[in-house]
Amino acid sequence: MRLFYALQLDQVTRRHISDLQVLMQQDCPRGSFTKEENLHLTLCFLGDIDAQYLALLEKILLSLEAAPLALTFNQLGLFKNRQGDILWLGLEHNPLLEQVQATLAMKLNGEGLYLDPLPFTAHVTLARNIKIKKLPVLEPFTTTCNKLSLMHSHQTQFQLVYTPLYTLVL
């Protein structure tokens, strides 16, 4: 199972981000934009994990202590890639978010589960494999996130779907 932990965004926030994507598509002749229902903020990507670990992963999730998180999205950026860049929506520095992510990573490492060695960069992926000459100016916006989930990434009828397996309400 391809798994990751993520903050789920509410429908209003996903719609707002989707509207931003529509505006940017005019300047992106190619690329794959993330579907509105798949917009999220990954905290820890686990990759392919055997189903036997699901109970442990649920236990780790439910052991976290966190309050709802106020997130201010204030920047657009690109992760450079030869095949095409990854367009992302970034956040204002958020120590509470970083603390939740670091605690989750520590608990996963304590169980010997692999984590990406790259430092955590809080973002929502907007599109993959794009080429864009200039990023538009982003009007910052704030939302409150109150759901942290263990997500399953899989294909259904040739569509990428992210299904929450377990959710912690913050």
N, C-alpha and C. Protein backbone atom coordinates (compact mmCIF):
# COMPACT_ATOMS: atom_id res chain seq x y z
N MET A 1 0.84 -1.18 0.00
CA MET A 1 0.00 0.00 0.00
C MET A 1 0.89 1.25 0.00
N ARG A 2 0.58 2.19 -0.86
CA ARG A 2 1.33 3.45 -0.92
C ARG A 2 0.66 4.41 0.06
N LEU A 3 1.41 4.77 1.12
CA LEU A 3 0.81 5.52 2.23
C LEU A 3 1.56 6.81 2.54
N PHE A 4 0.82 7.76 3.10
CA PHE A 4 1.42 9.00 3.60
C PHE A 4 0.48 9.61 4.64
N TYR A 5 1.06 10.41 5.51
CA TYR A 5 0.28 11.18 6.47
C TYR A 5 0.10 12.57 5.91
N ALA A 6 -1.12 13.12 6.03
CA ALA A 6 -1.38 14.44 5.46
C ALA A 6 -2.42 15.19 6.27
N LEU A 7 -2.32 16.50 6.18
CA LEU A 7 -3.39 17.37 6.67
C LEU A 7 -4.41 17.46 5.55
N GLN A 8 -5.65 17.16 5.87
CA GLN A 8 -6.72 17.28 4.89
C GLN A 8 -7.25 18.71 4.91
N LEU A 9 -7.44 19.25 3.75
CA LEU A 9 -7.95 20.61 3.62
C LEU A 9 -9.47 20.56 3.46
N ASP A 10 -10.14 21.55 4.03
CA ASP A 10 -11.60 21.57 3.91
C ASP A 10 -12.01 21.93 2.49
N GLN A 11 -13.28 21.74 2.19
CA GLN A 11 -13.78 21.93 0.83
C GLN A 11 -13.63 23.37 0.35
N VAL A 12 -13.85 24.35 1.22
CA VAL A 12 -13.73 25.76 0.83
C VAL A 12 -12.28 26.07 0.44
N THR A 13 -11.33 25.56 1.21
CA THR A 13 -9.91 25.79 0.92
C THR A 13 -9.51 25.10 -0.39
N ARG A 14 -9.95 23.86 -0.55
CA ARG A 14 -9.64 23.15 -1.80
C ARG A 14 -10.22 23.89 -3.01
N ARG A 15 -11.42 24.42 -2.88
CA ARG A 15 -12.05 25.16 -3.98
C ARG A 15 -11.24 26.43 -4.30
N HIS A 16 -10.81 27.13 -3.26
CA HIS A 16 -10.00 28.35 -3.45
C HIS A 16 -8.69 28.01 -4.19
N ILE A 17 -8.05 26.94 -3.76
CA ILE A 17 -6.79 26.53 -4.41
C ILE A 17 -7.06 26.08 -5.85
N SER A 18 -8.15 25.38 -6.05
CA SER A 18 -8.51 24.95 -7.40
C SER A 18 -8.74 26.14 -8.32
N ASP A 19 -9.36 27.20 -7.81
CA ASP A 19 -9.55 28.41 -8.60
C ASP A 19 -8.21 29.04 -8.99
N LEU A 20 -7.22 28.98 -8.07
CA LEU A 20 -5.87 29.46 -8.39
C LEU A 20 -5.26 28.63 -9.52
N GLN A 21 -5.46 27.32 -9.45
CA GLN A 21 -4.92 26.44 -10.48
C GLN A 21 -5.48 26.79 -11.86
N VAL A 22 -6.77 27.07 -11.91
CA VAL A 22 -7.40 27.41 -13.19
C VAL A 22 -6.74 28.65 -13.79
N LEU A 23 -6.47 29.64 -12.96
CA LEU A 23 -5.80 30.85 -13.44
C LEU A 23 -4.40 30.57 -13.96
N MET A 24 -3.68 29.66 -13.30
CA MET A 24 -2.30 29.36 -13.70
C MET A 24 -2.23 28.46 -14.93
N GLN A 25 -3.27 27.69 -15.19
CA GLN A 25 -3.25 26.79 -16.33
C GLN A 25 -3.09 27.55 -17.65
N GLN A 26 -3.53 28.80 -17.69
CA GLN A 26 -3.39 29.60 -18.90
C GLN A 26 -1.92 29.79 -19.28
N ASP A 27 -1.03 29.81 -18.27
CA ASP A 27 0.39 30.03 -18.50
C ASP A 27 1.20 28.73 -18.53
N CYS A 28 0.52 27.61 -18.46
CA CYS A 28 1.19 26.30 -18.43
C CYS A 28 0.68 25.47 -19.60
N PRO A 29 1.39 25.50 -20.73
CA PRO A 29 0.93 24.77 -21.90
C PRO A 29 0.91 23.25 -21.71
N ARG A 30 1.66 22.77 -20.72
CA ARG A 30 1.66 21.34 -20.47
C ARG A 30 1.76 21.12 -18.97
N GLY A 31 1.47 19.92 -18.56
CA GLY A 31 1.56 19.59 -17.15
C GLY A 31 0.30 18.93 -16.64
N SER A 32 0.39 18.42 -15.45
CA SER A 32 -0.72 17.72 -14.83
C SER A 32 -1.07 18.41 -13.51
N PHE A 33 -2.23 19.03 -13.48
CA PHE A 33 -2.67 19.73 -12.27
C PHE A 33 -3.37 18.76 -11.33
N THR A 34 -3.11 18.92 -10.04
CA THR A 34 -3.72 18.07 -9.01
C THR A 34 -5.22 18.32 -8.99
N LYS A 35 -5.99 17.23 -8.96
CA LYS A 35 -7.44 17.35 -8.88
C LYS A 35 -7.83 17.95 -7.54
N GLU A 36 -8.89 18.73 -7.55
CA GLU A 36 -9.34 19.43 -6.35
C GLU A 36 -9.50 18.48 -5.16
N GLU A 37 -10.10 17.35 -5.38
CA GLU A 37 -10.35 16.42 -4.26
C GLU A 37 -9.06 15.79 -3.71
N ASN A 38 -7.96 15.91 -4.44
CA ASN A 38 -6.68 15.34 -3.99
C ASN A 38 -5.76 16.37 -3.33
N LEU A 39 -6.16 17.62 -3.26
CA LEU A 39 -5.31 18.64 -2.65
C LEU A 39 -5.16 18.38 -1.15
N HIS A 40 -3.93 18.40 -0.68
CA HIS A 40 -3.62 18.09 0.72
C HIS A 40 -2.22 18.63 1.04
N LEU A 41 -1.84 18.54 2.30
CA LEU A 41 -0.50 18.93 2.72
C LEU A 41 0.16 17.71 3.36
N THR A 42 1.12 17.12 2.67
CA THR A 42 1.79 15.91 3.16
C THR A 42 2.71 16.27 4.33
N LEU A 43 2.61 15.47 5.40
CA LEU A 43 3.51 15.63 6.54
C LEU A 43 4.65 14.62 6.49
N CYS A 44 4.31 13.37 6.19
CA CYS A 44 5.33 12.31 6.09
C CYS A 44 4.90 11.34 5.01
N PHE A 45 5.74 11.16 4.00
CA PHE A 45 5.48 10.19 2.94
C PHE A 45 6.16 8.88 3.31
N LEU A 46 5.38 7.81 3.33
CA LEU A 46 5.92 6.51 3.73
C LEU A 46 6.28 5.63 2.53
N GLY A 47 5.60 5.80 1.43
CA GLY A 47 5.84 4.95 0.27
C GLY A 47 5.08 3.65 0.40
N ASP A 48 5.61 2.60 -0.21
CA ASP A 48 4.94 1.30 -0.21
C ASP A 48 5.18 0.59 1.12
N ILE A 49 4.11 0.36 1.84
CA ILE A 49 4.14 -0.23 3.18
C ILE A 49 3.23 -1.45 3.20
N ASP A 50 3.69 -2.52 3.81
CA ASP A 50 2.89 -3.73 3.95
C ASP A 50 1.70 -3.45 4.86
N ALA A 51 0.55 -4.01 4.51
CA ALA A 51 -0.69 -3.81 5.27
C ALA A 51 -0.57 -4.26 6.72
N GLN A 52 0.38 -5.11 7.02
CA GLN A 52 0.55 -5.57 8.41
C GLN A 52 0.90 -4.42 9.36
N TYR A 53 1.37 -3.29 8.82
CA TYR A 53 1.76 -2.14 9.65
C TYR A 53 0.61 -1.16 9.90
N LEU A 54 -0.56 -1.42 9.34
CA LEU A 54 -1.66 -0.46 9.46
C LEU A 54 -2.04 -0.18 10.91
N ALA A 55 -2.12 -1.21 11.74
CA ALA A 55 -2.50 -0.99 13.15
C ALA A 55 -1.47 -0.11 13.85
N LEU A 56 -0.19 -0.33 13.59
CA LEU A 56 0.86 0.50 14.18
C LEU A 56 0.77 1.94 13.67
N LEU A 57 0.53 2.11 12.38
CA LEU A 57 0.43 3.44 11.81
C LEU A 57 -0.78 4.19 12.36
N GLU A 58 -1.87 3.48 12.59
CA GLU A 58 -3.04 4.09 13.22
C GLU A 58 -2.71 4.51 14.65
N LYS A 59 -2.03 3.63 15.38
CA LYS A 59 -1.65 3.93 16.77
C LYS A 59 -0.77 5.17 16.84
N ILE A 60 0.19 5.28 15.93
CA ILE A 60 1.06 6.45 15.89
C ILE A 60 0.23 7.71 15.64
N LEU A 61 -0.67 7.64 14.68
CA LEU A 61 -1.52 8.79 14.36
C LEU A 61 -2.33 9.23 15.57
N LEU A 62 -2.97 8.28 16.22
CA LEU A 62 -3.86 8.61 17.33
C LEU A 62 -3.10 9.03 18.58
N SER A 63 -1.79 8.78 18.62
CA SER A 63 -0.98 9.19 19.77
C SER A 63 -0.55 10.66 19.70
N LEU A 64 -0.75 11.28 18.54
CA LEU A 64 -0.34 12.68 18.37
C LEU A 64 -1.27 13.60 19.15
N GLU A 65 -0.70 14.62 19.72
CA GLU A 65 -1.49 15.64 20.42
C GLU A 65 -1.30 16.95 19.68
N ALA A 66 -2.38 17.44 19.11
CA ALA A 66 -2.30 18.69 18.36
C ALA A 66 -3.67 19.36 18.33
N ALA A 67 -3.64 20.66 18.31
CA ALA A 67 -4.85 21.46 18.18
C ALA A 67 -5.04 21.80 16.70
N PRO A 68 -6.22 22.31 16.33
CA PRO A 68 -6.39 22.77 14.95
C PRO A 68 -5.28 23.76 14.57
N LEU A 69 -4.85 23.68 13.33
CA LEU A 69 -3.72 24.48 12.86
C LEU A 69 -4.20 25.59 11.92
N ALA A 70 -3.85 26.83 12.26
CA ALA A 70 -4.10 27.95 11.36
C ALA A 70 -2.95 27.99 10.35
N LEU A 71 -3.28 27.88 9.08
CA LEU A 71 -2.28 27.85 8.02
C LEU A 71 -2.49 29.05 7.11
N THR A 72 -1.41 29.80 6.88
CA THR A 72 -1.47 30.94 5.96
C THR A 72 -0.64 30.60 4.73
N PHE A 73 -1.32 30.47 3.61
CA PHE A 73 -0.66 30.21 2.33
C PHE A 73 -0.25 31.56 1.76
N ASN A 74 1.05 31.70 1.47
CA ASN A 74 1.53 33.03 1.07
C ASN A 74 2.56 33.03 -0.06
N GLN A 75 2.79 31.87 -0.70
CA GLN A 75 3.80 31.86 -1.76
C GLN A 75 3.58 30.72 -2.74
N LEU A 76 4.06 30.94 -3.94
CA LEU A 76 4.09 29.91 -4.96
C LEU A 76 5.56 29.62 -5.25
N GLY A 77 5.85 28.38 -5.58
CA GLY A 77 7.23 28.03 -5.88
C GLY A 77 7.31 26.84 -6.81
N LEU A 78 8.53 26.52 -7.22
CA LEU A 78 8.78 25.40 -8.12
C LEU A 78 9.88 24.52 -7.55
N PHE A 79 9.66 23.22 -7.58
CA PHE A 79 10.74 22.25 -7.37
C PHE A 79 11.18 21.90 -8.78
N LYS A 80 12.44 22.16 -9.10
CA LYS A 80 12.95 21.94 -10.44
C LYS A 80 13.12 20.45 -10.72
N ASN A 81 12.79 20.06 -11.95
CA ASN A 81 12.87 18.67 -12.37
C ASN A 81 13.12 18.67 -13.88
N ARG A 82 13.94 17.75 -14.36
CA ARG A 82 14.26 17.71 -15.79
C ARG A 82 13.03 17.47 -16.66
N GLN A 83 12.13 16.59 -16.22
CA GLN A 83 10.95 16.27 -17.02
C GLN A 83 9.90 17.39 -16.98
N GLY A 84 9.99 18.25 -16.03
CA GLY A 84 9.03 19.33 -15.83
C GLY A 84 8.98 19.64 -14.34
N ASP A 85 8.74 20.87 -14.02
CA ASP A 85 8.79 21.30 -12.63
C ASP A 85 7.53 20.93 -11.86
N ILE A 86 7.67 20.94 -10.54
CA ILE A 86 6.53 20.74 -9.65
C ILE A 86 6.15 22.11 -9.09
N LEU A 87 4.94 22.52 -9.35
CA LEU A 87 4.42 23.80 -8.87
C LEU A 87 3.77 23.58 -7.51
N TRP A 88 4.15 24.41 -6.53
CA TRP A 88 3.61 24.23 -5.18
C TRP A 88 3.13 25.53 -4.58
N LEU A 89 2.23 25.37 -3.61
CA LEU A 89 1.69 26.47 -2.82
C LEU A 89 2.28 26.34 -1.43
N GLY A 90 3.01 27.37 -1.00
CA GLY A 90 3.73 27.31 0.27
C GLY A 90 3.06 28.12 1.36
N LEU A 91 3.56 27.88 2.57
CA LEU A 91 2.98 28.49 3.76
C LEU A 91 3.93 29.44 4.46
N GLU A 92 3.33 30.35 5.18
CA GLU A 92 4.06 31.19 6.12
C GLU A 92 4.66 30.26 7.19
N HIS A 93 5.83 30.62 7.70
CA HIS A 93 6.47 29.82 8.75
C HIS A 93 5.47 29.51 9.85
N ASN A 94 5.38 28.23 10.25
CA ASN A 94 4.39 27.81 11.23
C ASN A 94 5.02 26.82 12.21
N PRO A 95 5.51 27.31 13.36
CA PRO A 95 6.17 26.43 14.33
C PRO A 95 5.29 25.28 14.83
N LEU A 96 3.99 25.51 14.96
CA LEU A 96 3.10 24.43 15.44
C LEU A 96 3.01 23.30 14.40
N LEU A 97 2.90 23.67 13.14
CA LEU A 97 2.87 22.67 12.07
C LEU A 97 4.19 21.89 12.06
N GLU A 98 5.30 22.60 12.16
CA GLU A 98 6.61 21.94 12.15
C GLU A 98 6.76 21.01 13.35
N GLN A 99 6.20 21.38 14.49
CA GLN A 99 6.27 20.53 15.68
C GLN A 99 5.46 19.25 15.48
N VAL A 100 4.27 19.36 14.91
CA VAL A 100 3.45 18.17 14.63
C VAL A 100 4.19 17.26 13.67
N GLN A 101 4.75 17.83 12.60
CA GLN A 101 5.46 17.02 11.61
C GLN A 101 6.69 16.35 12.24
N ALA A 102 7.45 17.09 13.04
CA ALA A 102 8.66 16.53 13.66
C ALA A 102 8.31 15.42 14.65
N THR A 103 7.24 15.59 15.40
CA THR A 103 6.81 14.55 16.35
C THR A 103 6.39 13.29 15.59
N LEU A 104 5.63 13.46 14.53
CA LEU A 104 5.21 12.32 13.71
C LEU A 104 6.43 11.61 13.13
N ALA A 105 7.37 12.37 12.57
CA ALA A 105 8.58 11.78 11.99
C ALA A 105 9.38 11.02 13.05
N MET A 106 9.50 11.59 14.24
CA MET A 106 10.24 10.94 15.33
C MET A 106 9.58 9.61 15.71
N LYS A 107 8.27 9.59 15.82
CA LYS A 107 7.55 8.36 16.18
C LYS A 107 7.72 7.29 15.09
N LEU A 108 7.67 7.70 13.84
CA LEU A 108 7.86 6.75 12.74
C LEU A 108 9.29 6.21 12.72
N ASN A 109 10.26 7.10 12.91
CA ASN A 109 11.66 6.66 12.96
C ASN A 109 11.89 5.72 14.13
N GLY A 110 11.22 5.99 15.26
CA GLY A 110 11.35 5.12 16.43
C GLY A 110 10.88 3.71 16.18
N GLU A 111 10.01 3.55 15.20
CA GLU A 111 9.50 2.22 14.83
C GLU A 111 10.27 1.63 13.64
N GLY A 112 11.29 2.35 13.19
CA GLY A 112 12.12 1.85 12.10
C GLY A 112 11.50 1.99 10.73
N LEU A 113 10.52 2.86 10.60
CA LEU A 113 9.89 3.07 9.31
C LEU A 113 10.65 4.14 8.54
N TYR A 114 10.86 3.93 7.27
CA TYR A 114 11.65 4.82 6.42
C TYR A 114 10.94 6.15 6.21
N LEU A 115 11.70 7.20 6.25
CA LEU A 115 11.20 8.53 5.92
C LEU A 115 12.13 9.17 4.92
N ASP A 116 11.60 10.08 4.14
CA ASP A 116 12.38 10.85 3.19
C ASP A 116 13.47 11.61 3.94
N PRO A 117 14.72 11.49 3.53
CA PRO A 117 15.80 12.19 4.24
C PRO A 117 15.84 13.70 3.99
N LEU A 118 15.06 14.19 3.03
CA LEU A 118 15.05 15.62 2.76
C LEU A 118 14.32 16.36 3.87
N PRO A 119 14.71 17.60 4.15
CA PRO A 119 14.02 18.37 5.18
C PRO A 119 12.57 18.64 4.78
N PHE A 120 11.71 18.77 5.77
CA PHE A 120 10.29 19.03 5.56
C PHE A 120 10.10 20.42 4.97
N THR A 121 9.37 20.49 3.88
CA THR A 121 8.99 21.75 3.26
C THR A 121 7.47 21.74 3.15
N ALA A 122 6.80 22.50 4.00
CA ALA A 122 5.34 22.52 4.02
C ALA A 122 4.81 23.13 2.72
N HIS A 123 4.01 22.35 1.98
CA HIS A 123 3.47 22.82 0.71
C HIS A 123 2.31 21.94 0.26
N VAL A 124 1.54 22.47 -0.65
CA VAL A 124 0.49 21.73 -1.36
C VAL A 124 0.94 21.66 -2.82
N THR A 125 1.02 20.46 -3.36
CA THR A 125 1.41 20.31 -4.76
C THR A 125 0.23 20.70 -5.65
N LEU A 126 0.48 21.68 -6.53
CA LEU A 126 -0.56 22.16 -7.44
C LEU A 126 -0.50 21.49 -8.80
N ALA A 127 0.73 21.20 -9.28
CA ALA A 127 0.88 20.60 -10.61
C ALA A 127 2.24 19.95 -10.74
N ARG A 128 2.31 18.97 -11.63
CA ARG A 128 3.56 18.27 -11.92
C ARG A 128 3.86 18.40 -13.41
N ASN A 129 5.15 18.29 -13.71
CA ASN A 129 5.63 18.29 -15.10
C ASN A 129 5.19 19.52 -15.88
N ILE A 130 5.36 20.68 -15.25
CA ILE A 130 4.96 21.91 -15.92
C ILE A 130 6.17 22.73 -16.32
N LYS A 131 5.93 23.64 -17.20
CA LYS A 131 6.90 24.68 -17.57
C LYS A 131 6.12 25.99 -17.49
N ILE A 132 6.62 26.91 -16.68
CA ILE A 132 5.97 28.20 -16.53
C ILE A 132 7.07 29.26 -16.47
N LYS A 133 6.88 30.34 -17.18
CA LYS A 133 7.91 31.37 -17.26
C LYS A 133 7.94 32.24 -16.02
N LYS A 134 6.78 32.62 -15.53
CA LYS A 134 6.72 33.52 -14.39
C LYS A 134 5.56 33.12 -13.49
N LEU A 135 5.84 33.03 -12.20
CA LEU A 135 4.79 32.71 -11.24
C LEU A 135 3.96 33.95 -10.95
N PRO A 136 2.64 33.79 -10.87
CA PRO A 136 1.81 34.96 -10.56
C PRO A 136 1.98 35.38 -9.10
N VAL A 137 1.57 36.59 -8.80
CA VAL A 137 1.58 37.08 -7.42
C VAL A 137 0.40 36.43 -6.70
N LEU A 138 0.66 35.94 -5.51
CA LEU A 138 -0.37 35.26 -4.73
C LEU A 138 -0.88 36.19 -3.63
N GLU A 139 -2.18 36.33 -3.55
CA GLU A 139 -2.80 37.04 -2.44
C GLU A 139 -2.88 36.05 -1.28
N PRO A 140 -2.15 36.29 -0.17
CA PRO A 140 -2.16 35.32 0.95
C PRO A 140 -3.58 35.07 1.47
N PHE A 141 -3.78 33.85 1.93
CA PHE A 141 -5.06 33.49 2.54
C PHE A 141 -4.80 32.49 3.67
N THR A 142 -5.71 32.48 4.63
CA THR A 142 -5.55 31.65 5.82
C THR A 142 -6.73 30.70 5.95
N THR A 143 -6.43 29.51 6.43
CA THR A 143 -7.46 28.52 6.70
C THR A 143 -7.10 27.81 8.00
N THR A 144 -8.05 27.10 8.55
CA THR A 144 -7.79 26.27 9.72
C THR A 144 -7.94 24.82 9.32
N CYS A 145 -6.95 24.03 9.68
CA CYS A 145 -6.95 22.61 9.35
C CYS A 145 -7.18 21.82 10.64
N ASN A 146 -8.15 20.91 10.61
CA ASN A 146 -8.45 20.14 11.81
C ASN A 146 -8.50 18.64 11.59
N LYS A 147 -7.94 18.17 10.47
CA LYS A 147 -7.91 16.73 10.20
C LYS A 147 -6.53 16.30 9.73
N LEU A 148 -5.95 15.35 10.44
CA LEU A 148 -4.68 14.74 10.06
C LEU A 148 -4.98 13.27 9.80
N SER A 149 -4.62 12.78 8.63
CA SER A 149 -5.01 11.42 8.24
C SER A 149 -3.85 10.60 7.70
N LEU A 150 -3.97 9.30 7.87
CA LEU A 150 -3.12 8.34 7.15
C LEU A 150 -3.85 8.09 5.84
N MET A 151 -3.18 8.41 4.73
CA MET A 151 -3.81 8.35 3.42
C MET A 151 -3.24 7.20 2.59
N HIS A 152 -4.12 6.62 1.79
CA HIS A 152 -3.76 5.56 0.86
C HIS A 152 -3.84 6.13 -0.56
N SER A 153 -2.73 6.09 -1.27
CA SER A 153 -2.68 6.56 -2.66
C SER A 153 -2.86 5.35 -3.57
N HIS A 154 -3.88 5.39 -4.42
CA HIS A 154 -4.14 4.25 -5.30
C HIS A 154 -4.89 4.71 -6.55
N GLN A 155 -4.97 3.82 -7.52
CA GLN A 155 -5.68 4.09 -8.77
C GLN A 155 -7.07 3.46 -8.72
N THR A 156 -8.07 4.22 -9.12
CA THR A 156 -9.42 3.71 -9.27
C THR A 156 -9.92 4.18 -10.62
N GLN A 157 -10.26 3.23 -11.48
CA GLN A 157 -10.71 3.55 -12.84
C GLN A 157 -9.76 4.53 -13.53
N PHE A 158 -8.47 4.23 -13.43
CA PHE A 158 -7.40 4.98 -14.08
C PHE A 158 -7.26 6.41 -13.55
N GLN A 159 -7.78 6.66 -12.36
CA GLN A 159 -7.67 7.96 -11.72
C GLN A 159 -6.93 7.80 -10.39
N LEU A 160 -6.01 8.74 -10.09
CA LEU A 160 -5.33 8.73 -8.81
C LEU A 160 -6.29 9.19 -7.73
N VAL A 161 -6.38 8.41 -6.65
CA VAL A 161 -7.30 8.69 -5.55
C VAL A 161 -6.52 8.62 -4.25
N TYR A 162 -6.79 9.55 -3.35
CA TYR A 162 -6.22 9.54 -2.01
C TYR A 162 -7.36 9.26 -1.04
N THR A 163 -7.29 8.11 -0.39
CA THR A 163 -8.34 7.69 0.53
C THR A 163 -7.83 7.75 1.96
N PRO A 164 -8.52 8.49 2.84
CA PRO A 164 -8.11 8.48 4.25
C PRO A 164 -8.46 7.13 4.88
N LEU A 165 -7.46 6.51 5.51
CA LEU A 165 -7.69 5.24 6.20
C LEU A 165 -8.04 5.47 7.67
N TYR A 166 -7.30 6.38 8.29
CA TYR A 166 -7.55 6.75 9.69
C TYR A 166 -7.38 8.25 9.79
N THR A 167 -8.21 8.87 10.62
CA THR A 167 -8.17 10.33 10.76
C THR A 167 -8.17 10.72 12.23
N LEU A 168 -7.30 11.65 12.56
CA LEU A 168 -7.26 12.27 13.87
C LEU A 168 -7.87 13.65 13.73
N VAL A 169 -8.94 13.92 14.48
CA VAL A 169 -9.52 15.25 14.47
C VAL A 169 -8.74 16.09 15.46
N LEU A 170 -8.20 17.19 15.00
CA LEU A 170 -7.37 18.07 15.85
C LEU A 170 -8.24 19.02 16.65
